Amino acid sequence: TPVSALVHSSTLVTAGVYLMIRFGGMYLF
């Protein structure tokens, strides 16, 4: 459960969202 609390809150699952945030501005292209 401690791993689930870490993985499913701010680390592994949010990596994809953060990657797309870093590509911000590409929406126009």
PDB file of all heavy atoms in Angstrom:
ATOM      1  N   THR A   1       0.809  -1.225   0.000  1.00  0.00           N
ATOM      2  CA  THR A   1       0.000   0.000   0.000  1.00  0.00           C
ATOM      3  C   THR A   1       0.843   1.276   0.000  1.00  0.00           C
ATOM      4  O   THR A   1       0.477   2.235  -0.680  1.00  0.00           O
ATOM      5  CB  THR A   1      -0.960  -0.017   1.195  1.00  0.00           C
ATOM      6  OG1 THR A   1      -1.761  -1.198   1.125  1.00  0.00           O
ATOM      7  CG2 THR A   1      -1.872   1.187   1.170  1.00  0.00           C
ATOM      8  N   PRO A   2       1.956   1.366   0.762  1.00  0.00           N
ATOM      9  CA  PRO A   2       2.780   2.589   0.637  1.00  0.00           C
ATOM     10  C   PRO A   2       3.272   2.841  -0.779  1.00  0.00           C
ATOM     11  O   PRO A   2       3.348   3.994  -1.215  1.00  0.00           O
ATOM     12  CB  PRO A   2       3.948   2.322   1.598  1.00  0.00           C
ATOM     13  CG  PRO A   2       3.407   1.367   2.595  1.00  0.00           C
ATOM     14  CD  PRO A   2       2.460   0.499   1.829  1.00  0.00           C
ATOM     15  N   VAL A   3       3.578   1.773  -1.505  1.00  0.00           N
ATOM     16  CA  VAL A   3       3.994   1.936  -2.901  1.00  0.00           C
ATOM     17  C   VAL A   3       2.833   2.459  -3.739  1.00  0.00           C
ATOM     18  O   VAL A   3       3.007   3.345  -4.584  1.00  0.00           O
ATOM     19  CB  VAL A   3       4.508   0.594  -3.460  1.00  0.00           C
ATOM     20  CG1 VAL A   3       4.808   0.705  -4.946  1.00  0.00           C
ATOM     21  CG2 VAL A   3       5.740   0.152  -2.704  1.00  0.00           C
ATOM     22  N   SER A   4       1.634   1.922  -3.497  1.00  0.00           N
ATOM     23  CA  SER A   4       0.458   2.409  -4.226  1.00  0.00           C
ATOM     24  C   SER A   4       0.220   3.887  -3.953  1.00  0.00           C
ATOM     25  O   SER A   4      -0.147   4.650  -4.851  1.00  0.00           O
ATOM     26  CB  SER A   4      -0.776   1.592  -3.825  1.00  0.00           C
ATOM     27  OG  SER A   4      -0.574   0.219  -4.073  1.00  0.00           O
ATOM     28  N   ALA A   5       0.410   4.300  -2.695  1.00  0.00           N
ATOM     29  CA  ALA A   5       0.219   5.712  -2.349  1.00  0.00           C
ATOM     30  C   ALA A   5       1.192   6.604  -3.093  1.00  0.00           C
ATOM     31  O   ALA A   5       0.861   7.735  -3.471  1.00  0.00           O
ATOM     32  CB  ALA A   5       0.378   5.899  -0.836  1.00  0.00           C
ATOM     33  N   LEU A   6       2.399   6.104  -3.320  1.00  0.00           N
ATOM     34  CA  LEU A   6       3.409   6.912  -4.012  1.00  0.00           C
ATOM     35  C   LEU A   6       3.247   6.844  -5.523  1.00  0.00           C
ATOM     36  O   LEU A   6       3.279   7.866  -6.210  1.00  0.00           O
ATOM     37  CB  LEU A   6       4.803   6.423  -3.607  1.00  0.00           C
ATOM     38  CG  LEU A   6       5.994   7.219  -4.120  1.00  0.00           C
ATOM     39  CD1 LEU A   6       5.947   8.649  -3.612  1.00  0.00           C
ATOM     40  CD2 LEU A   6       7.301   6.559  -3.689  1.00  0.00           C
ATOM     41  N   VAL A   7       3.037   5.628  -6.049  1.00  0.00           N
ATOM     42  CA  VAL A   7       2.964   5.435  -7.496  1.00  0.00           C
ATOM     43  C   VAL A   7       1.733   6.112  -8.090  1.00  0.00           C
ATOM     44  O   VAL A   7       1.789   6.750  -9.131  1.00  0.00           O
ATOM     45  CB  VAL A   7       2.974   3.929  -7.827  1.00  0.00           C
ATOM     46  CG1 VAL A   7       2.597   3.692  -9.273  1.00  0.00           C
ATOM     47  CG2 VAL A   7       4.341   3.345  -7.541  1.00  0.00           C
ATOM     48  N   HIS A   8       0.583   6.000  -7.404  1.00  0.00           N
ATOM     49  CA  HIS A   8      -0.679   6.461  -7.970  1.00  0.00           C
ATOM     50  C   HIS A   8      -1.057   7.867  -7.542  1.00  0.00           C
ATOM     51  O   HIS A   8      -2.182   8.301  -7.759  1.00  0.00           O
ATOM     52  CB  HIS A   8      -1.806   5.504  -7.579  1.00  0.00           C
ATOM     53  CG  HIS A   8      -1.681   4.171  -8.227  1.00  0.00           C
ATOM     54  ND1 HIS A   8      -0.831   3.208  -7.758  1.00  0.00           N
ATOM     55  CD2 HIS A   8      -2.277   3.641  -9.321  1.00  0.00           C
ATOM     56  CE1 HIS A   8      -0.920   2.133  -8.531  1.00  0.00           C
ATOM     57  NE2 HIS A   8      -1.790   2.374  -9.485  1.00  0.00           N
ATOM     58  N   SER A   9      -0.135   8.583  -6.945  1.00  0.00           N
ATOM     59  CA  SER A   9      -0.451   9.955  -6.566  1.00  0.00           C
ATOM     60  C   SER A   9       0.411  10.958  -7.329  1.00  0.00           C
ATOM     61  O   SER A   9      -0.114  11.868  -7.969  1.00  0.00           O
ATOM     62  CB  SER A   9      -0.264  10.140  -5.052  1.00  0.00           C
ATOM     63  OG  SER A   9       1.083   9.903  -4.674  1.00  0.00           O
ATOM     64  N   SER A  10       1.730  10.798  -7.272  1.00  0.00           N
ATOM     65  CA  SER A  10       2.571  11.872  -7.806  1.00  0.00           C
ATOM     66  C   SER A  10       3.765  11.398  -8.617  1.00  0.00           C
ATOM     67  O   SER A  10       4.572  12.235  -9.036  1.00  0.00           O
ATOM     68  CB  SER A  10       3.113  12.710  -6.628  1.00  0.00           C
ATOM     69  OG  SER A  10       3.872  11.891  -5.747  1.00  0.00           O
ATOM     70  N   THR A  11       3.927  10.122  -8.858  1.00  0.00           N
ATOM     71  CA  THR A  11       5.164   9.691  -9.515  1.00  0.00           C
ATOM     72  C   THR A  11       4.886   9.023 -10.869  1.00  0.00           C
ATOM     73  O   THR A  11       4.795   9.707 -11.884  1.00  0.00           O
ATOM     74  CB  THR A  11       5.955   8.729  -8.605  1.00  0.00           C
ATOM     75  OG1 THR A  11       5.075   7.700  -8.128  1.00  0.00           O
ATOM     76  CG2 THR A  11       6.500   9.461  -7.398  1.00  0.00           C
ATOM     77  N   LEU A  12       4.746   7.715 -10.873  1.00  0.00           N
ATOM     78  CA  LEU A  12       4.729   6.969 -12.145  1.00  0.00           C
ATOM     79  C   LEU A  12       3.595   7.397 -13.060  1.00  0.00           C
ATOM     80  O   LEU A  12       3.809   7.692 -14.238  1.00  0.00           O
ATOM     81  CB  LEU A  12       4.640   5.472 -11.840  1.00  0.00           C
ATOM     82  CG  LEU A  12       4.621   4.545 -13.055  1.00  0.00           C
ATOM     83  CD1 LEU A  12       5.940   4.606 -13.802  1.00  0.00           C
ATOM     84  CD2 LEU A  12       4.331   3.115 -12.635  1.00  0.00           C
ATOM     85  N   VAL A  13       2.373   7.444 -12.553  1.00  0.00           N
ATOM     86  CA  VAL A  13       1.218   7.696 -13.417  1.00  0.00           C
ATOM     87  C   VAL A  13       1.172   9.143 -13.909  1.00  0.00           C
ATOM     88  O   VAL A  13       0.542   9.431 -14.928  1.00  0.00           O
ATOM     89  CB  VAL A  13      -0.091   7.339 -12.698  1.00  0.00           C
ATOM     90  CG1 VAL A  13      -0.158   5.853 -12.412  1.00  0.00           C
ATOM     91  CG2 VAL A  13      -0.252   8.128 -11.408  1.00  0.00           C
ATOM     92  N   THR A  14       1.808  10.048 -13.191  1.00  0.00           N
ATOM     93  CA  THR A  14       1.800  11.454 -13.607  1.00  0.00           C
ATOM     94  C   THR A  14       2.969  11.798 -14.525  1.00  0.00           C
ATOM     95  O   THR A  14       3.055  12.936 -14.990  1.00  0.00           O
ATOM     96  CB  THR A  14       1.833  12.369 -12.377  1.00  0.00           C
ATOM     97  OG1 THR A  14       3.003  12.086 -11.596  1.00  0.00           O
ATOM     98  CG2 THR A  14       0.606  12.159 -11.513  1.00  0.00           C
ATOM     99  N   ALA A  15       3.850  10.830 -14.776  1.00  0.00           N
ATOM    100  CA  ALA A  15       5.007  11.115 -15.632  1.00  0.00           C
ATOM    101  C   ALA A  15       4.570  11.474 -17.047  1.00  0.00           C
ATOM    102  O   ALA A  15       5.133  12.380 -17.676  1.00  0.00           O
ATOM    103  CB  ALA A  15       5.950   9.914 -15.650  1.00  0.00           C
ATOM    104  N   GLY A  16       3.559  10.759 -17.561  1.00  0.00           N
ATOM    105  CA  GLY A  16       3.075  11.069 -18.902  1.00  0.00           C
ATOM    106  C   GLY A  16       2.433  12.433 -18.987  1.00  0.00           C
ATOM    107  O   GLY A  16       2.632  13.171 -19.968  1.00  0.00           O
ATOM    108  N   VAL A  17       1.659  12.800 -17.970  1.00  0.00           N
ATOM    109  CA  VAL A  17       1.037  14.128 -17.948  1.00  0.00           C
ATOM    110  C   VAL A  17       2.110  15.206 -17.894  1.00  0.00           C
ATOM    111  O   VAL A  17       2.033  16.217 -18.608  1.00  0.00           O
ATOM    112  CB  VAL A  17       0.079  14.241 -16.743  1.00  0.00           C
ATOM    113  CG1 VAL A  17      -0.554  15.620 -16.700  1.00  0.00           C
ATOM    114  CG2 VAL A  17      -0.997  13.172 -16.807  1.00  0.00           C
ATOM    115  N   TYR A  18       3.113  14.996 -17.061  1.00  0.00           N
ATOM    116  CA  TYR A  18       4.173  16.002 -16.939  1.00  0.00           C
ATOM    117  C   TYR A  18       4.968  16.128 -18.241  1.00  0.00           C
ATOM    118  O   TYR A  18       5.393  17.232 -18.605  1.00  0.00           O
ATOM    119  CB  TYR A  18       5.101  15.619 -15.787  1.00  0.00           C
ATOM    120  CG  TYR A  18       6.161  16.653 -15.500  1.00  0.00           C
ATOM    121  CD1 TYR A  18       5.862  17.820 -14.816  1.00  0.00           C
ATOM    122  CD2 TYR A  18       7.470  16.459 -15.932  1.00  0.00           C
ATOM    123  CE1 TYR A  18       6.836  18.770 -14.560  1.00  0.00           C
ATOM    124  CE2 TYR A  18       8.452  17.404 -15.684  1.00  0.00           C
ATOM    125  CZ  TYR A  18       8.125  18.553 -15.001  1.00  0.00           C
ATOM    126  OH  TYR A  18       9.097  19.496 -14.752  1.00  0.00           O
ATOM    127  N   LEU A  19       5.183  15.005 -18.937  1.00  0.00           N
ATOM    128  CA  LEU A  19       5.879  15.063 -20.226  1.00  0.00           C
ATOM    129  C   LEU A  19       5.123  15.941 -21.208  1.00  0.00           C
ATOM    130  O   LEU A  19       5.720  16.776 -21.914  1.00  0.00           O
ATOM    131  CB  LEU A  19       6.048  13.650 -20.781  1.00  0.00           C
ATOM    132  CG  LEU A  19       6.645  13.535 -22.178  1.00  0.00           C
ATOM    133  CD1 LEU A  19       8.079  14.046 -22.194  1.00  0.00           C
ATOM    134  CD2 LEU A  19       6.594  12.093 -22.676  1.00  0.00           C
ATOM    135  N   MET A  20       3.793  15.816 -21.256  1.00  0.00           N
ATOM    136  CA  MET A  20       3.005  16.624 -22.171  1.00  0.00           C
ATOM    137  C   MET A  20       2.940  18.078 -21.717  1.00  0.00           C
ATOM    138  O   MET A  20       2.827  18.988 -22.542  1.00  0.00           O
ATOM    139  CB  MET A  20       1.594  16.052 -22.297  1.00  0.00           C
ATOM    140  CG  MET A  20       1.542  14.657 -22.890  1.00  0.00           C
ATOM    141  SD  MET A  20       2.568  14.479 -24.368  1.00  0.00           S
ATOM    142  CE  MET A  20       1.876  15.742 -25.421  1.00  0.00           C
ATOM    143  N   ILE A  21       3.007  18.322 -20.410  1.00  0.00           N
ATOM    144  CA  ILE A  21       3.047  19.704 -19.928  1.00  0.00           C
ATOM    145  C   ILE A  21       4.330  20.379 -20.393  1.00  0.00           C
ATOM    146  O   ILE A  21       4.330  21.559 -20.780  1.00  0.00           O
ATOM    147  CB  ILE A  21       2.918  19.733 -18.396  1.00  0.00           C
ATOM    148  CG1 ILE A  21       1.504  19.337 -17.969  1.00  0.00           C
ATOM    149  CG2 ILE A  21       3.260  21.106 -17.833  1.00  0.00           C
ATOM    150  CD1 ILE A  21       1.329  19.167 -16.479  1.00  0.00           C
ATOM    151  N   ARG A  22       5.427  19.641 -20.378  1.00  0.00           N
ATOM    152  CA  ARG A  22       6.698  20.197 -20.842  1.00  0.00           C
ATOM    153  C   ARG A  22       6.688  20.487 -22.343  1.00  0.00           C
ATOM    154  O   ARG A  22       7.451  21.324 -22.815  1.00  0.00           O
ATOM    155  CB  ARG A  22       7.842  19.241 -20.516  1.00  0.00           C
ATOM    156  CG  ARG A  22       8.325  19.344 -19.081  1.00  0.00           C
ATOM    157  CD  ARG A  22       8.809  20.734 -18.781  1.00  0.00           C
ATOM    158  NE  ARG A  22       9.468  20.850 -17.501  1.00  0.00           N
ATOM    159  CZ  ARG A  22       9.890  21.997 -16.980  1.00  0.00           C
ATOM    160  NH1 ARG A  22       9.698  23.133 -17.647  1.00  0.00           N
ATOM    161  NH2 ARG A  22      10.474  22.029 -15.814  1.00  0.00           N
ATOM    162  N   PHE A  23       5.840  19.808 -23.097  1.00  0.00           N
ATOM    163  CA  PHE A  23       5.681  20.094 -24.517  1.00  0.00           C
ATOM    164  C   PHE A  23       4.602  21.143 -24.736  1.00  0.00           C
ATOM    165  O   PHE A  23       3.999  21.208 -25.809  1.00  0.00           O
ATOM    166  CB  PHE A  23       5.308  18.822 -25.287  1.00  0.00           C
ATOM    167  CG  PHE A  23       6.492  18.022 -25.734  1.00  0.00           C
ATOM    168  CD1 PHE A  23       6.899  16.914 -25.018  1.00  0.00           C
ATOM    169  CD2 PHE A  23       7.198  18.383 -26.861  1.00  0.00           C
ATOM    170  CE1 PHE A  23       7.982  16.168 -25.430  1.00  0.00           C
ATOM    171  CE2 PHE A  23       8.284  17.649 -27.278  1.00  0.00           C
ATOM    172  CZ  PHE A  23       8.685  16.532 -26.561  1.00  0.00           C
ATOM    173  N   GLY A  24       4.318  21.947 -23.729  1.00  0.00           N
ATOM    174  CA  GLY A  24       3.279  22.968 -23.827  1.00  0.00           C
ATOM    175  C   GLY A  24       3.533  23.940 -24.975  1.00  0.00           C
ATOM    176  O   GLY A  24       4.662  24.345 -25.243  1.00  0.00           O
ATOM    177  N   GLY A  25       2.474  24.310 -25.654  1.00  0.00           N
ATOM    178  CA  GLY A  25       2.598  25.193 -26.801  1.00  0.00           C
ATOM    179  C   GLY A  25       2.541  24.470 -28.124  1.00  0.00           C
ATOM    180  O   GLY A  25       2.337  25.085 -29.174  1.00  0.00           O
ATOM    181  N   MET A  26       2.724  23.137 -28.104  1.00  0.00           N
ATOM    182  CA  MET A  26       2.665  22.363 -29.347  1.00  0.00           C
ATOM    183  C   MET A  26       1.237  22.232 -29.866  1.00  0.00           C
ATOM    184  O   MET A  26       1.018  21.753 -30.973  1.00  0.00           O
ATOM    185  CB  MET A  26       3.253  20.967 -29.113  1.00  0.00           C
ATOM    186  CG  MET A  26       4.735  20.962 -28.826  1.00  0.00           C
ATOM    187  SD  MET A  26       5.706  21.510 -30.240  1.00  0.00           S
ATOM    188  CE  MET A  26       5.469  20.131 -31.335  1.00  0.00           C
ATOM    189  N   TYR A  27       0.271  22.616 -29.050  1.00  0.00           N
ATOM    190  CA  TYR A  27      -1.134  22.554 -29.450  1.00  0.00           C
ATOM    191  C   TYR A  27      -1.380  23.368 -30.728  1.00  0.00           C
ATOM    192  O   TYR A  27      -2.201  23.008 -31.557  1.00  0.00           O
ATOM    193  CB  TYR A  27      -1.995  23.071 -28.308  1.00  0.00           C
ATOM    194  CG  TYR A  27      -3.470  23.096 -28.614  1.00  0.00           C
ATOM    195  CD1 TYR A  27      -4.230  21.945 -28.475  1.00  0.00           C
ATOM    196  CD2 TYR A  27      -4.100  24.262 -29.043  1.00  0.00           C
ATOM    197  CE1 TYR A  27      -5.584  21.953 -28.756  1.00  0.00           C
ATOM    198  CE2 TYR A  27      -5.446  24.280 -29.333  1.00  0.00           C
ATOM    199  CZ  TYR A  27      -6.191  23.129 -29.190  1.00  0.00           C
ATOM    200  OH  TYR A  27      -7.520  23.141 -29.475  1.00  0.00           O
ATOM    201  N   LEU A  28      -0.645  24.463 -30.875  1.00  0.00           N
ATOM    202  CA  LEU A  28      -0.837  25.333 -32.035  1.00  0.00           C
ATOM    203  C   LEU A  28      -0.323  24.689 -33.311  1.00  0.00           C
ATOM    204  O   LEU A  28      -0.793  25.007 -34.408  1.00  0.00           O
ATOM    205  CB  LEU A  28      -0.121  26.671 -31.801  1.00  0.00           C
ATOM    206  CG  LEU A  28      -0.588  27.471 -30.578  1.00  0.00           C
ATOM    207  CD1 LEU A  28       0.283  28.705 -30.400  1.00  0.00           C
ATOM    208  CD2 LEU A  28      -2.050  27.864 -30.734  1.00  0.00           C
ATOM    209  N   PHE A  29       0.649  23.759 -33.195  1.00  0.00           N
ATOM    210  CA  PHE A  29       1.242  23.146 -34.374  1.00  0.00           C
ATOM    211  C   PHE A  29       0.554  21.829 -34.753  1.00  0.00           C
ATOM    212  O   PHE A  29       0.467  21.497 -35.931  1.00  0.00           O
ATOM    213  CB  PHE A  29       2.736  22.872 -34.126  1.00  0.00           C
ATOM    214  CG  PHE A  29       3.529  24.116 -33.850  1.00  0.00           C
ATOM    215  CD1 PHE A  29       3.799  24.502 -32.550  1.00  0.00           C
ATOM    216  CD2 PHE A  29       3.998  24.909 -34.880  1.00  0.00           C
ATOM    217  CE1 PHE A  29       4.530  25.640 -32.282  1.00  0.00           C
ATOM    218  CE2 PHE A  29       4.726  26.057 -34.628  1.00  0.00           C
ATOM    219  CZ  PHE A  29       4.990  26.428 -33.323  1.00  0.00           C
TER     220      PHE A  29
END
